[in-house]
Amino acid sequence: MYKEAIKALTEKACASIRYRTRKEILEENPNIKDYLDEILDDRRVEYVLSWQRPNGFLGQILHGGRIPKVKGYTYSTARRRGGLTFSA
């Protein structure tokens, strides 16, 4: 029933989703090193990591709050449901 969805997630999704699908759904033991460069090169990951403050929090509070404005990024959640889009 879910074979086509899982196949799409493991073959066509971003590296983070491919890794987590293999690890958490298929219960495999994928090597994170095979995915790490691609994950860290993802602009969405780079953007979220730019929020990190010296105390380790991402943004103003531990579990939520507004998305902070970061110089050099313009972001939108309106163009695509469920995802951030960026322009430089």
C-alpha atoms as a PDB file:
ATOM      1  CA  MET A   1       0.000   0.000   0.000  1.00  0.00           C
ATOM      2  CA  TYR A   2       2.718   2.476   0.915  1.00  0.00           C
ATOM      3  CA  LYS A   3       5.449   1.031  -1.301  1.00  0.00           C
ATOM      4  CA  GLU A   4       5.181   3.751  -3.954  1.00  0.00           C
ATOM      5  CA  ALA A   5       5.268   6.537  -1.359  1.00  0.00           C
ATOM      6  CA  ILE A   6       8.278   5.020   0.402  1.00  0.00           C
ATOM      7  CA  LYS A   7      10.043   4.528  -2.930  1.00  0.00           C
ATOM      8  CA  ALA A   8       9.469   8.200  -3.793  1.00  0.00           C
ATOM      9  CA  LEU A   9      10.736   9.295  -0.376  1.00  0.00           C
ATOM     10  CA  THR A  10      13.905   7.208  -0.632  1.00  0.00           C
ATOM     11  CA  GLU A  11      14.670   8.205  -4.229  1.00  0.00           C
ATOM     12  CA  LYS A  12      13.327  11.708  -4.866  1.00  0.00           C
ATOM     13  CA  ALA A  13      13.056  13.544  -1.542  1.00  0.00           C
ATOM     14  CA  CYS A  14      15.751  15.777  -0.050  1.00  0.00           C
ATOM     15  CA  ALA A  15      18.667  14.076   1.712  1.00  0.00           C
ATOM     16  CA  SER A  16      17.205  14.583   5.193  1.00  0.00           C
ATOM     17  CA  ILE A  17      13.962  12.854   4.256  1.00  0.00           C
ATOM     18  CA  ARG A  18      15.747  10.067   2.374  1.00  0.00           C
ATOM     19  CA  TYR A  19      17.916   9.375   5.437  1.00  0.00           C
ATOM     20  CA  ARG A  20      15.028   9.497   7.925  1.00  0.00           C
ATOM     21  CA  THR A  21      12.818   7.302   5.736  1.00  0.00           C
ATOM     22  CA  ARG A  22      15.478   4.625   5.604  1.00  0.00           C
ATOM     23  CA  LYS A  23      16.260   4.888   9.320  1.00  0.00           C
ATOM     24  CA  GLU A  24      12.824   5.419  10.869  1.00  0.00           C
ATOM     25  CA  ILE A  25      10.381   3.768   8.471  1.00  0.00           C
ATOM     26  CA  LEU A  26      12.430   1.018   6.851  1.00  0.00           C
ATOM     27  CA  GLU A  27      14.422   0.499  10.083  1.00  0.00           C
ATOM     28  CA  GLU A  28      17.689   0.319   8.179  1.00  0.00           C
ATOM     29  CA  ASN A  29      20.987   1.612   9.490  1.00  0.00           C
ATOM     30  CA  PRO A  30      22.057   4.140   6.825  1.00  0.00           C
ATOM     31  CA  ASN A  31      25.383   5.905   7.216  1.00  0.00           C
ATOM     32  CA  ILE A  32      24.711   9.589   7.907  1.00  0.00           C
ATOM     33  CA  LYS A  33      28.022  10.419   6.203  1.00  0.00           C
ATOM     34  CA  ASP A  34      26.423   9.418   2.890  1.00  0.00           C
ATOM     35  CA  TYR A  35      23.873  12.221   3.338  1.00  0.00           C
ATOM     36  CA  LEU A  36      25.633  14.857   5.432  1.00  0.00           C
ATOM     37  CA  ASP A  37      27.213  16.984   2.684  1.00  0.00           C
ATOM     38  CA  GLU A  38      23.931  17.214   0.810  1.00  0.00           C
ATOM     39  CA  ILE A  39      22.007  18.025   4.005  1.00  0.00           C
ATOM     40  CA  LEU A  40      24.407  20.801   4.998  1.00  0.00           C
ATOM     41  CA  ASP A  41      24.355  22.263   1.469  1.00  0.00           C
ATOM     42  CA  ASP A  42      20.551  22.569   1.560  1.00  0.00           C
ATOM     43  CA  ARG A  43      19.641  26.271   1.732  1.00  0.00           C
ATOM     44  CA  ARG A  44      16.750  25.492   4.107  1.00  0.00           C
ATOM     45  CA  VAL A  45      19.145  23.845   6.561  1.00  0.00           C
ATOM     46  CA  GLU A  46      21.663  26.664   6.193  1.00  0.00           C
ATOM     47  CA  TYR A  47      18.884  29.157   6.883  1.00  0.00           C
ATOM     48  CA  VAL A  48      17.642  27.395  10.012  1.00  0.00           C
ATOM     49  CA  LEU A  49      21.192  26.969  11.341  1.00  0.00           C
ATOM     50  CA  SER A  50      21.682  30.734  10.895  1.00  0.00           C
ATOM     51  CA  TRP A  51      19.066  31.280  13.622  1.00  0.00           C
ATOM     52  CA  GLN A  52      21.184  29.574  16.261  1.00  0.00           C
ATOM     53  CA  ARG A  53      22.125  31.877  19.090  1.00  0.00           C
ATOM     54  CA  PRO A  54      25.182  31.540  21.372  1.00  0.00           C
ATOM     55  CA  ASN A  55      23.004  29.775  23.978  1.00  0.00           C
ATOM     56  CA  GLY A  56      22.073  27.097  21.412  1.00  0.00           C
ATOM     57  CA  PHE A  57      18.457  28.178  20.950  1.00  0.00           C
ATOM     58  CA  LEU A  58      17.117  28.582  17.423  1.00  0.00           C
ATOM     59  CA  GLY A  59      15.445  31.974  17.520  1.00  0.00           C
ATOM     60  CA  GLN A  60      14.050  33.681  20.585  1.00  0.00           C
ATOM     61  CA  ILE A  61      12.652  30.751  22.592  1.00  0.00           C
ATOM     62  CA  LEU A  62      13.302  27.028  22.868  1.00  0.00           C
ATOM     63  CA  HIS A  63      10.201  25.500  21.264  1.00  0.00           C
ATOM     64  CA  GLY A  64       8.840  27.965  18.775  1.00  0.00           C
ATOM     65  CA  GLY A  65       8.205  31.579  18.196  1.00  0.00           C
ATOM     66  CA  ARG A  66       8.518  33.622  15.071  1.00  0.00           C
ATOM     67  CA  ILE A  67      10.900  32.882  12.228  1.00  0.00           C
ATOM     68  CA  PRO A  68      13.706  35.403  12.677  1.00  0.00           C
ATOM     69  CA  LYS A  69      14.691  37.644   9.799  1.00  0.00           C
ATOM     70  CA  VAL A  70      18.222  36.881   8.684  1.00  0.00           C
ATOM     71  CA  LYS A  71      20.155  39.328   6.538  1.00  0.00           C
ATOM     72  CA  GLY A  72      20.672  37.997   3.024  1.00  0.00           C
ATOM     73  CA  TYR A  73      17.571  35.759   3.026  1.00  0.00           C
ATOM     74  CA  THR A  74      14.057  36.432   1.886  1.00  0.00           C
ATOM     75  CA  TYR A  75      11.699  33.644   2.772  1.00  0.00           C
ATOM     76  CA  SER A  76       8.099  32.795   2.052  1.00  0.00           C
ATOM     77  CA  THR A  77       5.723  30.112   3.240  1.00  0.00           C
ATOM     78  CA  ALA A  78       2.981  31.273   0.884  1.00  0.00           C
ATOM     79  CA  ARG A  79       4.238  29.894  -2.443  1.00  0.00           C
ATOM     80  CA  ARG A  80       4.325  26.251  -1.403  1.00  0.00           C
ATOM     81  CA  ARG A  81       2.253  24.556   1.219  1.00  0.00           C
ATOM     82  CA  GLY A  82       4.353  23.045   3.947  1.00  0.00           C
ATOM     83  CA  GLY A  83       7.729  24.446   2.954  1.00  0.00           C
ATOM     84  CA  LEU A  84       9.963  27.465   2.928  1.00  0.00           C
ATOM     85  CA  THR A  85      11.128  29.016  -0.300  1.00  0.00           C
ATOM     86  CA  PHE A  86      14.080  31.374  -0.547  1.00  0.00           C
ATOM     87  CA  SER A  87      15.486  34.097  -2.698  1.00  0.00           C
ATOM     88  CA  ALA A  88      18.852  35.716  -2.221  1.00  0.00           C
END
